Amino acid sequence: MFSILLVIIYLAFISLGLPDSLIGSGWPAMHTALNVPTSYAGIITMLISANTIISSLLSDRLTRRFGTGKVTAMSVGTTALALFGFSIAPSFIWLCVFAIPYGLGAGAVDAALNNYVALHYKVAK
């Protein structure tokens, strides 16, 4: 049972890390469509990073209150909705709005899953 759960946790880490590089690869096309300078990508990435930090710092409280499973499910759902929002955002302001839940979701799941693995699995020797 534990090995299957560990595989699921590993897949969750991989799947949540995949979209992190999409701003860099998609921005050359996005900034022209949104009619904003190339440098505005930094605003989006800083919003995501700041909210990831906030969420990571609050993750202990959330995990203690709701449990790792619920925090992970909500974080994955929040991140997925934010990524969908990125795909339909009509303007740069909407990208900024969707960057907030994206960062909040990404930070909470990373910290919650790291904590779970640290508490429930031993180091392989």
Protein backbone atom coordinates (compact mmCIF):
# COMPACT_ATOMS: atom_id res chain seq x y z
CA MET A 1 0.00 0.00 0.00
CA PHE A 2 2.73 2.44 0.94
CA SER A 3 4.63 1.93 -2.31
CA ILE A 4 1.54 2.75 -4.40
CA LEU A 5 0.96 5.87 -2.31
CA LEU A 6 4.58 6.89 -2.77
CA VAL A 7 4.21 6.55 -6.56
CA ILE A 8 1.08 8.75 -6.44
CA ILE A 9 2.94 11.36 -4.37
CA TYR A 10 5.83 11.26 -6.83
CA LEU A 11 3.45 11.74 -9.78
CA ALA A 12 1.81 14.67 -7.97
CA PHE A 13 5.20 16.37 -7.59
CA ILE A 14 6.01 15.85 -11.26
CA SER A 15 2.62 17.01 -12.52
CA LEU A 16 2.68 20.17 -10.41
CA GLY A 17 6.17 21.06 -11.59
CA LEU A 18 5.42 20.73 -15.30
CA PRO A 19 3.58 24.03 -15.83
CA ASP A 20 6.27 26.09 -14.08
CA SER A 21 8.27 26.50 -17.28
CA LEU A 22 5.28 27.31 -19.47
CA ILE A 23 5.40 31.06 -18.82
CA GLY A 24 8.92 31.18 -20.21
CA SER A 25 8.10 29.17 -23.30
CA GLY A 26 4.69 30.68 -23.95
CA TRP A 27 5.44 34.32 -23.17
CA PRO A 28 6.92 35.25 -26.58
CA ALA A 29 3.53 34.57 -28.16
CA MET A 30 1.45 35.68 -25.19
CA HIS A 31 2.94 39.14 -24.73
CA THR A 32 2.25 40.12 -28.33
CA ALA A 33 -1.33 38.83 -28.13
CA LEU A 34 -1.87 40.73 -24.87
CA ASN A 35 -0.06 43.82 -26.16
CA VAL A 36 2.30 44.10 -23.18
CA PRO A 37 6.11 44.31 -23.00
CA THR A 38 8.25 41.19 -22.67
CA SER A 39 9.33 42.30 -19.20
CA TYR A 40 5.81 41.81 -17.82
CA ALA A 41 6.55 38.09 -17.56
CA GLY A 42 8.52 39.00 -14.44
CA ILE A 43 5.39 40.39 -12.80
CA ILE A 44 3.53 37.14 -13.40
CA THR A 45 6.38 34.99 -12.11
CA MET A 46 6.86 37.18 -9.03
CA LEU A 47 3.14 36.95 -8.19
CA ILE A 48 3.32 33.18 -8.48
CA SER A 49 6.50 33.03 -6.38
CA ALA A 50 5.20 35.33 -3.65
CA ASN A 51 1.98 33.36 -3.30
CA THR A 52 3.90 30.08 -3.30
CA ILE A 53 5.94 31.36 -0.36
CA ILE A 54 2.83 32.52 1.51
CA SER A 55 1.13 29.19 0.92
CA SER A 56 4.19 27.22 1.99
CA LEU A 57 4.38 29.17 5.23
CA LEU A 58 0.69 28.52 5.95
CA SER A 59 0.84 24.89 4.87
CA ASP A 60 1.56 23.54 8.36
CA ARG A 61 -1.60 25.12 9.76
CA LEU A 62 -3.67 23.89 6.82
CA THR A 63 -2.27 20.36 7.03
CA ARG A 64 -2.89 20.13 10.77
CA ARG A 65 -6.46 21.36 10.35
CA PHE A 66 -7.56 19.51 7.21
CA GLY A 67 -5.02 16.72 6.69
CA THR A 68 -2.58 16.06 3.90
CA GLY A 69 -5.13 14.50 1.55
CA LYS A 70 -7.56 17.41 1.63
CA VAL A 71 -4.80 20.01 1.35
CA THR A 72 -3.33 18.17 -1.62
CA ALA A 73 -6.70 17.80 -3.35
CA MET A 74 -7.59 21.46 -2.85
CA SER A 75 -4.14 22.59 -3.96
CA VAL A 76 -4.23 20.50 -7.12
CA GLY A 77 -7.74 21.74 -7.88
CA THR A 78 -6.78 25.36 -7.28
CA THR A 79 -3.71 25.02 -9.48
CA ALA A 80 -5.70 23.34 -12.26
CA LEU A 81 -8.36 26.08 -12.21
CA ALA A 82 -5.67 28.76 -12.28
CA LEU A 83 -3.98 27.11 -15.27
CA PHE A 84 -7.32 26.95 -17.05
CA GLY A 85 -7.72 30.64 -16.23
CA PHE A 86 -4.33 31.32 -17.83
CA SER A 87 -5.57 29.66 -21.01
CA ILE A 88 -8.66 31.87 -21.28
CA ALA A 89 -7.30 35.11 -19.81
CA PRO A 90 -8.34 37.98 -22.08
CA SER A 91 -5.84 40.48 -20.66
CA PHE A 92 -2.67 40.84 -18.62
CA ILE A 93 -4.66 41.82 -15.52
CA TRP A 94 -6.48 38.49 -15.65
CA LEU A 95 -3.15 36.68 -15.85
CA CYS A 96 -2.16 38.48 -12.65
CA VAL A 97 -5.44 37.45 -11.02
CA PHE A 98 -4.96 33.78 -11.98
CA ALA A 99 -1.31 33.86 -10.86
CA ILE A 100 -2.46 34.25 -7.26
CA PRO A 101 -4.35 30.93 -6.92
CA TYR A 102 -1.70 29.22 -9.02
CA GLY A 103 0.99 30.20 -6.51
CA LEU A 104 -1.18 29.42 -3.50
CA GLY A 105 -1.99 25.95 -4.80
CA ALA A 106 1.57 25.11 -5.77
CA GLY A 107 3.09 26.07 -2.42
CA ALA A 108 0.63 24.22 -0.21
CA VAL A 109 0.88 20.91 -2.04
CA ASP A 110 4.68 20.91 -2.09
CA ALA A 111 4.98 21.52 1.63
CA ALA A 112 2.17 19.11 2.56
CA LEU A 113 3.55 16.23 0.50
CA ASN A 114 7.12 16.85 1.67
CA ASN A 115 5.92 16.76 5.27
CA TYR A 116 3.93 13.57 4.71
CA VAL A 117 6.85 11.72 3.13
CA ALA A 118 9.24 12.91 5.83
CA LEU A 119 6.94 11.65 8.58
CA HIS A 120 5.85 8.34 7.04
CA TYR A 121 8.84 7.02 5.06
CA LYS A 122 12.36 6.10 6.07
CA VAL A 123 15.52 6.91 4.15
CA ALA A 124 16.65 4.08 1.89
CA LYS A 125 20.16 2.92 2.66
